[in-house]
N, C-alpha and C. Protein backbone atom coordinates (compact mmCIF):
# COMPACT_ATOMS: atom_id res chain seq x y z
N MET A 1 0.82 -1.19 0.00
CA MET A 1 0.00 0.00 0.00
C MET A 1 0.87 1.26 0.00
N ARG A 2 1.92 1.24 0.83
CA ARG A 2 2.81 2.39 0.91
C ARG A 2 3.49 2.61 -0.45
N TYR A 3 3.87 1.52 -1.12
CA TYR A 3 4.51 1.61 -2.43
C TYR A 3 3.57 2.28 -3.43
N ILE A 4 2.31 1.89 -3.41
CA ILE A 4 1.32 2.47 -4.32
C ILE A 4 1.14 3.96 -4.04
N ARG A 5 1.13 4.34 -2.75
CA ARG A 5 0.99 5.75 -2.39
C ARG A 5 2.16 6.55 -2.96
N HIS A 6 3.38 6.00 -2.86
CA HIS A 6 4.56 6.70 -3.37
C HIS A 6 4.52 6.78 -4.90
N LEU A 7 4.04 5.72 -5.55
CA LEU A 7 3.90 5.77 -7.00
C LEU A 7 2.89 6.83 -7.39
N GLY A 8 1.80 6.93 -6.64
CA GLY A 8 0.80 7.96 -6.90
C GLY A 8 1.40 9.35 -6.76
N PHE A 9 2.19 9.56 -5.70
CA PHE A 9 2.84 10.85 -5.49
C PHE A 9 3.80 11.14 -6.63
N ALA A 10 4.58 10.12 -7.03
CA ALA A 10 5.53 10.30 -8.13
C ALA A 10 4.79 10.68 -9.41
N GLY A 11 3.65 10.06 -9.66
CA GLY A 11 2.86 10.37 -10.84
C GLY A 11 2.34 11.79 -10.82
N VAL A 12 1.85 12.23 -9.68
CA VAL A 12 1.34 13.60 -9.54
C VAL A 12 2.47 14.60 -9.76
N VAL A 13 3.61 14.34 -9.14
CA VAL A 13 4.76 15.25 -9.28
C VAL A 13 5.22 15.29 -10.73
N SER A 14 5.32 14.13 -11.38
CA SER A 14 5.76 14.08 -12.77
C SER A 14 4.80 14.85 -13.67
N ALA A 15 3.50 14.67 -13.46
CA ALA A 15 2.51 15.39 -14.25
C ALA A 15 2.61 16.89 -14.01
N ALA A 16 2.78 17.28 -12.76
CA ALA A 16 2.91 18.70 -12.44
C ALA A 16 4.13 19.30 -13.12
N MET A 17 5.24 18.57 -13.10
CA MET A 17 6.46 19.06 -13.74
C MET A 17 6.25 19.21 -15.25
N PHE A 18 5.54 18.26 -15.85
CA PHE A 18 5.29 18.32 -17.29
C PHE A 18 4.42 19.51 -17.63
N PHE A 19 3.30 19.66 -16.91
CA PHE A 19 2.36 20.73 -17.22
C PHE A 19 2.89 22.11 -16.87
N LEU A 20 3.76 22.19 -15.90
CA LEU A 20 4.35 23.48 -15.54
C LEU A 20 5.54 23.82 -16.43
N GLY A 21 5.92 22.88 -17.28
CA GLY A 21 7.03 23.12 -18.18
C GLY A 21 8.38 23.07 -17.50
N LEU A 22 8.46 22.37 -16.39
CA LEU A 22 9.73 22.26 -15.69
C LEU A 22 10.50 21.10 -16.29
N ASN A 23 11.62 21.42 -16.88
CA ASN A 23 12.41 20.34 -17.45
C ASN A 23 13.79 20.36 -16.84
N SER A 24 14.68 19.60 -17.40
CA SER A 24 15.99 19.45 -16.77
C SER A 24 16.95 20.59 -17.06
N SER A 25 16.52 21.62 -17.80
CA SER A 25 17.43 22.74 -18.02
C SER A 25 17.35 23.68 -16.82
N ILE A 26 18.50 24.13 -16.38
CA ILE A 26 18.56 24.97 -15.19
C ILE A 26 18.05 26.36 -15.53
N ALA A 27 17.12 26.86 -14.71
CA ALA A 27 16.56 28.19 -14.91
C ALA A 27 17.58 29.24 -14.48
N SER A 28 17.41 30.44 -15.02
CA SER A 28 18.34 31.52 -14.68
C SER A 28 18.17 31.94 -13.23
N ALA A 29 19.20 32.58 -12.72
CA ALA A 29 19.19 33.02 -11.32
C ALA A 29 18.06 34.00 -11.06
N GLU A 30 17.75 34.84 -12.04
CA GLU A 30 16.67 35.82 -11.86
C GLU A 30 15.33 35.13 -11.62
N GLN A 31 15.16 33.95 -12.16
CA GLN A 31 13.91 33.21 -12.01
C GLN A 31 13.91 32.31 -10.78
N ALA A 32 15.05 32.11 -10.18
CA ALA A 32 15.18 31.09 -9.15
C ALA A 32 14.36 31.38 -7.91
N LEU A 33 14.59 32.49 -7.26
CA LEU A 33 13.93 32.77 -5.99
C LEU A 33 12.80 33.75 -6.18
N VAL A 34 11.59 33.29 -5.94
CA VAL A 34 10.40 34.12 -6.05
C VAL A 34 10.01 34.55 -4.64
N PRO A 35 9.91 35.88 -4.41
CA PRO A 35 9.50 36.31 -3.07
C PRO A 35 8.10 35.79 -2.74
N VAL A 36 7.93 35.35 -1.52
CA VAL A 36 6.62 34.88 -1.07
C VAL A 36 5.82 36.11 -0.66
N ASP A 37 4.61 36.26 -1.19
CA ASP A 37 3.74 37.38 -0.88
C ASP A 37 3.54 37.48 0.63
N ASN A 38 3.53 38.71 1.16
CA ASN A 38 3.41 38.91 2.61
C ASN A 38 2.25 38.16 3.23
N GLU A 39 1.12 38.08 2.52
CA GLU A 39 -0.03 37.37 3.07
C GLU A 39 0.19 35.86 3.08
N LEU A 40 1.13 35.39 2.27
CA LEU A 40 1.36 33.95 2.15
C LEU A 40 2.57 33.47 2.94
N ILE A 41 3.33 34.41 3.53
CA ILE A 41 4.50 34.00 4.31
C ILE A 41 4.02 33.08 5.43
N PHE A 42 4.68 31.97 5.58
CA PHE A 42 4.26 31.01 6.60
C PHE A 42 5.45 30.48 7.37
N ARG A 43 5.14 29.96 8.55
CA ARG A 43 6.15 29.33 9.41
C ARG A 43 5.78 27.85 9.54
N PRO A 44 6.26 27.05 8.62
CA PRO A 44 5.89 25.63 8.65
C PRO A 44 6.55 24.88 9.80
N GLU A 45 5.94 23.77 10.15
CA GLU A 45 6.52 22.87 11.14
C GLU A 45 7.56 22.00 10.46
N LEU A 46 8.49 21.52 11.23
CA LEU A 46 9.47 20.58 10.71
C LEU A 46 9.97 19.74 11.86
N ALA A 47 9.76 18.44 11.77
CA ALA A 47 10.27 17.50 12.77
C ALA A 47 10.56 16.20 12.03
N LEU A 48 11.79 16.07 11.55
CA LEU A 48 12.19 14.91 10.76
C LEU A 48 13.49 14.32 11.30
N ILE A 49 13.74 13.09 10.91
CA ILE A 49 14.96 12.38 11.31
C ILE A 49 16.01 12.57 10.21
N ASN A 50 17.26 12.85 10.62
CA ASN A 50 18.33 12.95 9.64
C ASN A 50 18.93 11.56 9.39
N MET A 51 19.93 11.50 8.55
CA MET A 51 20.52 10.22 8.17
C MET A 51 21.28 9.55 9.32
N GLN A 52 21.60 10.31 10.36
CA GLN A 52 22.27 9.76 11.53
C GLN A 52 21.27 9.32 12.60
N GLY A 53 19.97 9.45 12.30
CA GLY A 53 18.93 9.04 13.24
C GLY A 53 18.56 10.09 14.27
N GLU A 54 19.03 11.32 14.10
CA GLU A 54 18.73 12.39 15.04
C GLU A 54 17.52 13.18 14.56
N ARG A 55 16.63 13.52 15.48
CA ARG A 55 15.45 14.32 15.13
C ARG A 55 15.85 15.78 15.01
N ARG A 56 15.40 16.41 13.92
CA ARG A 56 15.67 17.82 13.68
C ARG A 56 14.34 18.58 13.63
N HIS A 57 14.37 19.78 14.20
CA HIS A 57 13.21 20.68 14.21
C HIS A 57 13.64 22.00 13.59
N LEU A 58 12.70 22.73 13.04
CA LEU A 58 13.01 24.03 12.47
C LEU A 58 13.63 24.96 13.51
N GLU A 59 13.16 24.86 14.76
CA GLU A 59 13.69 25.72 15.83
C GLU A 59 15.19 25.50 16.05
N ASP A 60 15.70 24.33 15.68
CA ASP A 60 17.13 24.06 15.84
C ASP A 60 17.99 25.04 15.05
N TYR A 61 17.39 25.68 14.06
CA TYR A 61 18.13 26.56 13.16
C TYR A 61 17.74 28.02 13.33
N LYS A 62 17.02 28.34 14.39
CA LYS A 62 16.60 29.72 14.64
C LYS A 62 17.84 30.60 14.73
N GLY A 63 17.75 31.78 14.13
CA GLY A 63 18.89 32.69 14.10
C GLY A 63 19.79 32.48 12.90
N ARG A 64 19.42 31.55 12.03
CA ARG A 64 20.20 31.26 10.82
C ARG A 64 19.26 31.28 9.62
N VAL A 65 19.78 31.58 8.46
CA VAL A 65 19.02 31.50 7.22
C VAL A 65 19.14 30.08 6.71
N LEU A 66 18.03 29.54 6.22
CA LEU A 66 18.01 28.15 5.74
C LEU A 66 17.60 28.07 4.28
N LEU A 67 18.23 27.18 3.56
CA LEU A 67 17.75 26.75 2.26
C LEU A 67 17.19 25.35 2.50
N VAL A 68 15.89 25.18 2.26
CA VAL A 68 15.22 23.90 2.48
C VAL A 68 14.81 23.36 1.12
N ASN A 69 15.42 22.24 0.73
CA ASN A 69 15.20 21.67 -0.59
C ASN A 69 14.51 20.32 -0.47
N PHE A 70 13.39 20.16 -1.20
CA PHE A 70 12.67 18.89 -1.26
C PHE A 70 13.08 18.19 -2.55
N TRP A 71 13.54 16.94 -2.42
CA TRP A 71 14.09 16.21 -3.55
C TRP A 71 13.81 14.73 -3.41
N ALA A 72 14.07 13.99 -4.49
CA ALA A 72 13.96 12.53 -4.48
C ALA A 72 15.02 11.95 -5.42
N THR A 73 15.42 10.73 -5.16
CA THR A 73 16.46 10.09 -5.98
C THR A 73 15.97 9.80 -7.40
N TRP A 74 14.66 9.63 -7.58
CA TRP A 74 14.10 9.30 -8.89
C TRP A 74 13.82 10.54 -9.74
N CYS A 75 14.12 11.72 -9.22
CA CYS A 75 13.81 12.99 -9.87
C CYS A 75 15.08 13.57 -10.51
N PRO A 76 15.26 13.43 -11.84
CA PRO A 76 16.48 13.93 -12.49
C PRO A 76 16.79 15.40 -12.22
N PRO A 77 15.80 16.33 -12.28
CA PRO A 77 16.14 17.72 -11.98
C PRO A 77 16.63 17.91 -10.54
N CYS A 78 16.07 17.12 -9.61
CA CYS A 78 16.51 17.19 -8.21
C CYS A 78 17.98 16.81 -8.11
N VAL A 79 18.31 15.70 -8.73
CA VAL A 79 19.68 15.17 -8.67
C VAL A 79 20.65 16.14 -9.33
N LYS A 80 20.21 16.74 -10.43
CA LYS A 80 21.08 17.65 -11.17
C LYS A 80 21.38 18.93 -10.38
N GLU A 81 20.42 19.41 -9.57
CA GLU A 81 20.66 20.66 -8.85
C GLU A 81 21.36 20.47 -7.50
N LEU A 82 21.40 19.26 -6.97
CA LEU A 82 22.04 19.03 -5.67
C LEU A 82 23.48 19.55 -5.60
N PRO A 83 24.31 19.36 -6.62
CA PRO A 83 25.67 19.91 -6.52
C PRO A 83 25.70 21.43 -6.38
N SER A 84 24.76 22.14 -7.03
CA SER A 84 24.75 23.60 -6.89
C SER A 84 24.32 24.01 -5.49
N ILE A 85 23.47 23.22 -4.86
CA ILE A 85 23.06 23.49 -3.48
C ILE A 85 24.24 23.26 -2.54
N ALA A 86 24.97 22.17 -2.78
CA ALA A 86 26.17 21.90 -1.97
C ALA A 86 27.20 23.01 -2.16
N LYS A 87 27.33 23.52 -3.38
CA LYS A 87 28.27 24.61 -3.66
C LYS A 87 27.83 25.89 -2.93
N ALA A 88 26.53 26.18 -2.93
CA ALA A 88 26.02 27.35 -2.19
C ALA A 88 26.36 27.22 -0.71
N ARG A 89 26.19 26.03 -0.17
CA ARG A 89 26.54 25.78 1.23
C ARG A 89 28.02 26.05 1.47
N GLU A 90 28.84 25.60 0.54
CA GLU A 90 30.29 25.82 0.65
C GLU A 90 30.63 27.31 0.58
N LEU A 91 30.00 28.03 -0.36
CA LEU A 91 30.27 29.46 -0.52
C LEU A 91 29.87 30.27 0.72
N LEU A 92 28.87 29.78 1.45
CA LEU A 92 28.36 30.50 2.62
C LEU A 92 28.73 29.80 3.93
N SER A 93 29.76 28.98 3.89
CA SER A 93 30.11 28.15 5.06
C SER A 93 30.51 28.96 6.29
N ASP A 94 31.00 30.16 6.12
CA ASP A 94 31.41 30.98 7.26
C ASP A 94 30.31 31.93 7.73
N GLU A 95 29.10 31.74 7.20
CA GLU A 95 28.00 32.65 7.53
C GLU A 95 26.88 31.89 8.23
N ALA A 96 25.91 32.62 8.75
CA ALA A 96 24.78 32.04 9.48
C ALA A 96 23.79 31.44 8.48
N PHE A 97 24.19 30.33 7.87
CA PHE A 97 23.42 29.72 6.79
C PHE A 97 23.55 28.21 6.88
N ASP A 98 22.42 27.53 6.68
CA ASP A 98 22.41 26.07 6.65
C ASP A 98 21.52 25.60 5.51
N VAL A 99 21.72 24.35 5.12
CA VAL A 99 20.91 23.71 4.09
C VAL A 99 20.31 22.44 4.66
N LEU A 100 19.02 22.25 4.40
CA LEU A 100 18.34 21.00 4.73
C LEU A 100 17.85 20.39 3.42
N ALA A 101 18.36 19.23 3.08
CA ALA A 101 17.94 18.51 1.88
C ALA A 101 16.95 17.44 2.34
N ILE A 102 15.66 17.69 2.10
CA ILE A 102 14.61 16.79 2.59
C ILE A 102 14.23 15.82 1.48
N ASN A 103 14.58 14.56 1.70
CA ASN A 103 14.22 13.52 0.73
C ASN A 103 12.76 13.16 0.92
N VAL A 104 12.07 13.03 -0.20
CA VAL A 104 10.62 12.83 -0.21
C VAL A 104 10.27 11.39 -0.55
N GLY A 105 9.60 10.71 0.37
CA GLY A 105 8.98 9.43 0.10
C GLY A 105 9.87 8.22 0.00
N GLU A 106 11.14 8.35 0.37
CA GLU A 106 12.05 7.21 0.28
C GLU A 106 12.61 6.90 1.66
N ASP A 107 13.05 5.67 1.83
CA ASP A 107 13.58 5.32 3.15
C ASP A 107 15.09 5.53 3.19
N LYS A 108 15.63 5.45 4.39
CA LYS A 108 17.04 5.73 4.64
C LYS A 108 17.96 4.83 3.79
N THR A 109 17.60 3.56 3.64
CA THR A 109 18.41 2.62 2.86
C THR A 109 18.51 3.06 1.40
N GLN A 110 17.39 3.45 0.82
CA GLN A 110 17.39 3.92 -0.57
C GLN A 110 18.26 5.16 -0.73
N ILE A 111 18.13 6.08 0.22
CA ILE A 111 18.89 7.34 0.15
C ILE A 111 20.39 7.06 0.29
N GLU A 112 20.75 6.23 1.26
CA GLU A 112 22.17 5.90 1.46
C GLU A 112 22.76 5.25 0.21
N SER A 113 22.03 4.33 -0.39
CA SER A 113 22.49 3.66 -1.61
C SER A 113 22.70 4.68 -2.73
N PHE A 114 21.74 5.58 -2.89
CA PHE A 114 21.85 6.62 -3.91
C PHE A 114 23.06 7.52 -3.66
N LEU A 115 23.21 7.98 -2.44
CA LEU A 115 24.33 8.88 -2.12
C LEU A 115 25.67 8.20 -2.38
N ARG A 116 25.74 6.91 -2.07
CA ARG A 116 26.98 6.16 -2.24
C ARG A 116 27.27 5.91 -3.73
N THR A 117 26.27 5.50 -4.49
CA THR A 117 26.51 5.11 -5.88
C THR A 117 26.47 6.28 -6.86
N ARG A 118 25.58 7.23 -6.66
CA ARG A 118 25.42 8.33 -7.62
C ARG A 118 26.23 9.57 -7.28
N LEU A 119 26.43 9.81 -5.99
CA LEU A 119 27.13 11.04 -5.59
C LEU A 119 28.45 10.74 -4.89
N GLY A 120 28.94 9.54 -5.03
CA GLY A 120 30.23 9.19 -4.45
C GLY A 120 30.27 9.18 -2.94
N GLY A 121 29.09 9.10 -2.32
CA GLY A 121 29.03 9.05 -0.86
C GLY A 121 29.25 10.37 -0.17
N VAL A 122 29.51 11.42 -0.93
CA VAL A 122 29.80 12.71 -0.32
C VAL A 122 28.75 13.74 -0.74
N LEU A 123 27.99 14.19 0.21
CA LEU A 123 27.05 15.29 0.01
C LEU A 123 27.10 16.09 1.30
N ASN A 124 27.74 17.22 1.25
CA ASN A 124 27.97 18.01 2.46
C ASN A 124 26.72 18.80 2.83
N LEU A 125 25.60 18.08 2.95
CA LEU A 125 24.33 18.69 3.31
C LEU A 125 23.66 17.83 4.37
N GLU A 126 22.86 18.46 5.20
CA GLU A 126 22.07 17.70 6.17
C GLU A 126 20.87 17.12 5.41
N VAL A 127 20.81 15.80 5.30
CA VAL A 127 19.72 15.12 4.61
C VAL A 127 18.72 14.65 5.66
N LEU A 128 17.46 15.08 5.50
CA LEU A 128 16.38 14.65 6.37
C LEU A 128 15.46 13.73 5.57
N VAL A 129 14.80 12.82 6.26
CA VAL A 129 13.97 11.81 5.61
C VAL A 129 12.50 12.10 5.89
N ASP A 130 11.73 12.36 4.82
CA ASP A 130 10.29 12.57 4.92
C ASP A 130 9.59 11.39 4.23
N ASP A 131 9.78 10.20 4.80
CA ASP A 131 9.25 9.00 4.15
C ASP A 131 7.73 8.89 4.20
N ASN A 132 7.09 9.60 5.12
CA ASN A 132 5.62 9.54 5.19
C ASN A 132 4.95 10.80 4.65
N LEU A 133 5.73 11.70 4.04
CA LEU A 133 5.25 12.88 3.33
C LEU A 133 4.58 13.93 4.23
N VAL A 134 4.86 13.92 5.51
CA VAL A 134 4.29 14.92 6.42
C VAL A 134 4.83 16.31 6.09
N ALA A 135 6.14 16.44 5.92
CA ALA A 135 6.73 17.76 5.62
C ALA A 135 6.26 18.26 4.26
N VAL A 136 6.09 17.37 3.30
CA VAL A 136 5.59 17.76 1.97
C VAL A 136 4.26 18.48 2.12
N LYS A 137 3.38 17.95 2.95
CA LYS A 137 2.07 18.57 3.17
C LYS A 137 2.21 19.88 3.94
N ASP A 138 2.96 19.86 5.02
CA ASP A 138 3.12 21.06 5.85
C ASP A 138 3.76 22.22 5.08
N TRP A 139 4.67 21.89 4.18
CA TRP A 139 5.40 22.92 3.43
C TRP A 139 4.74 23.22 2.08
N LYS A 140 3.61 22.59 1.78
CA LYS A 140 2.83 22.86 0.57
C LYS A 140 3.63 22.59 -0.71
N VAL A 141 4.38 21.50 -0.71
CA VAL A 141 5.18 21.13 -1.88
C VAL A 141 4.24 20.54 -2.93
N ARG A 142 4.32 21.06 -4.16
CA ARG A 142 3.46 20.61 -5.24
C ARG A 142 4.22 19.91 -6.36
N ALA A 143 5.53 20.09 -6.40
CA ALA A 143 6.36 19.47 -7.45
C ALA A 143 7.78 19.36 -6.91
N LEU A 144 8.55 18.51 -7.53
CA LEU A 144 9.96 18.36 -7.15
C LEU A 144 10.84 18.75 -8.32
N PRO A 145 11.97 19.36 -8.06
CA PRO A 145 12.38 19.87 -6.76
C PRO A 145 11.65 21.16 -6.39
N THR A 146 11.46 21.37 -5.12
CA THR A 146 10.95 22.64 -4.58
C THR A 146 11.91 23.07 -3.48
N THR A 147 12.22 24.35 -3.50
CA THR A 147 13.17 24.90 -2.53
C THR A 147 12.58 26.14 -1.89
N TYR A 148 12.80 26.27 -0.60
CA TYR A 148 12.37 27.46 0.14
C TYR A 148 13.58 28.08 0.82
N ILE A 149 13.56 29.40 0.92
CA ILE A 149 14.54 30.11 1.73
C ILE A 149 13.79 30.63 2.95
N VAL A 150 14.32 30.28 4.12
CA VAL A 150 13.68 30.61 5.40
C VAL A 150 14.57 31.62 6.11
N ASP A 151 13.96 32.71 6.60
CA ASP A 151 14.76 33.72 7.29
C ASP A 151 15.10 33.28 8.71
N HIS A 152 15.84 34.11 9.42
CA HIS A 152 16.33 33.76 10.75
C HIS A 152 15.23 33.61 11.80
N THR A 153 14.01 34.05 11.48
CA THR A 153 12.89 33.90 12.42
C THR A 153 12.06 32.66 12.13
N GLY A 154 12.39 31.93 11.05
CA GLY A 154 11.65 30.73 10.70
C GLY A 154 10.55 30.96 9.68
N ARG A 155 10.51 32.15 9.07
CA ARG A 155 9.49 32.45 8.06
C ARG A 155 10.02 32.14 6.66
N VAL A 156 9.17 31.51 5.86
CA VAL A 156 9.52 31.26 4.46
C VAL A 156 9.36 32.58 3.70
N VAL A 157 10.44 33.04 3.07
CA VAL A 157 10.39 34.32 2.36
C VAL A 157 10.62 34.20 0.86
N TYR A 158 11.24 33.13 0.40
CA TYR A 158 11.43 32.87 -1.03
C TYR A 158 11.07 31.42 -1.31
N SER A 159 10.60 31.20 -2.54
CA SER A 159 10.37 29.83 -2.98
C SER A 159 10.91 29.67 -4.40
N ALA A 160 11.21 28.44 -4.75
CA ALA A 160 11.68 28.13 -6.10
C ALA A 160 11.18 26.74 -6.45
N MET A 161 10.54 26.63 -7.61
CA MET A 161 10.06 25.34 -8.07
C MET A 161 10.82 24.97 -9.33
N GLY A 162 11.28 23.75 -9.39
CA GLY A 162 12.06 23.32 -10.54
C GLY A 162 13.55 23.43 -10.27
N GLU A 163 14.31 23.05 -11.26
CA GLU A 163 15.76 22.99 -11.13
C GLU A 163 16.38 24.38 -11.30
N HIS A 164 17.28 24.74 -10.38
CA HIS A 164 17.95 26.04 -10.42
C HIS A 164 19.41 25.88 -10.01
N ASP A 165 20.20 26.87 -10.38
CA ASP A 165 21.59 26.92 -9.96
C ASP A 165 21.67 27.79 -8.71
N PHE A 166 21.68 27.17 -7.55
CA PHE A 166 21.68 27.91 -6.29
C PHE A 166 23.05 28.45 -5.93
N SER A 167 24.07 28.12 -6.71
CA SER A 167 25.40 28.68 -6.46
C SER A 167 25.64 29.94 -7.28
N ASP A 168 24.66 30.33 -8.10
CA ASP A 168 24.76 31.53 -8.90
C ASP A 168 24.90 32.76 -8.00
N SER A 169 25.71 33.72 -8.41
CA SER A 169 25.99 34.89 -7.56
C SER A 169 24.73 35.68 -7.21
N ALA A 170 23.74 35.75 -8.11
CA ALA A 170 22.51 36.48 -7.81
C ALA A 170 21.74 35.81 -6.67
N VAL A 171 21.73 34.49 -6.65
CA VAL A 171 21.06 33.75 -5.57
C VAL A 171 21.84 33.92 -4.26
N ILE A 172 23.15 33.78 -4.33
CA ILE A 172 23.99 33.94 -3.14
C ILE A 172 23.81 35.34 -2.56
N ASP A 173 23.72 36.36 -3.43
CA ASP A 173 23.51 37.74 -2.96
C ASP A 173 22.18 37.88 -2.21
N LYS A 174 21.12 37.25 -2.72
CA LYS A 174 19.82 37.31 -2.03
C LYS A 174 19.90 36.64 -0.66
N ILE A 175 20.59 35.53 -0.59
CA ILE A 175 20.75 34.84 0.70
C ILE A 175 21.57 35.71 1.66
N ARG A 176 22.62 36.32 1.15
CA ARG A 176 23.44 37.20 2.01
C ARG A 176 22.65 38.40 2.51
N GLU A 177 21.74 38.92 1.69
CA GLU A 177 20.88 40.02 2.14
C GLU A 177 20.08 39.59 3.37
N LEU A 178 19.55 38.38 3.33
CA LEU A 178 18.80 37.86 4.49
C LEU A 178 19.71 37.65 5.69
N ILE A 179 20.91 37.17 5.47
CA ILE A 179 21.85 36.96 6.57
C ILE A 179 22.17 38.28 7.25
N ARG A 180 22.29 39.36 6.45
CA ARG A 180 22.60 40.68 7.03
C ARG A 180 21.48 41.21 7.92
N THR A 181 20.27 40.67 7.80
CA THR A 181 19.15 41.14 8.64
C THR A 181 19.14 40.48 10.02
N ILE A 182 20.03 39.53 10.25
CA ILE A 182 20.09 38.84 11.55
C ILE A 182 20.69 39.80 12.57
N PRO A 183 19.96 40.03 13.68
CA PRO A 183 20.51 40.93 14.71
C PRO A 183 21.77 40.34 15.34
N ASP A 184 22.68 41.23 15.75
CA ASP A 184 23.93 40.77 16.39
C ASP A 184 23.70 40.20 17.75
């Protein structure tokens, strides 16, 4: 039954990507981060287990800017953009910035196998497991990949749907603008 539910989710996501015209070509930096309308800014819940078995909550990152990326191993655009997300993390490593890579609908064994075989076992990102799709619902994810930028108070202020180059200087500049708003 769980397998069928995941296939259904995969079908919905694939159809959404097709109809929205999201393909494997990386969108420009100007298109990447869309400001979330003030009336739509939300503070979603987050309570997921990471790959080391530790529970993570959004509050754990209060006072830091977050890039929260929803992805899956079966999603080519997701896989293609992961290196740019890791590069963004590297570029901002000395700043109040973190990345959460939330895997959608897969178990820890599948994710570990993918990371080992497809990415050489090295992904310098905190990977959280949303195997029961709770975070997908709470964060209003409609297609993969979907990425949110969360400010230091826990509010979602930017969103991006589809594959993007998050290491692009225009994106890094927007993230740095948010980091500068963090009180000393």
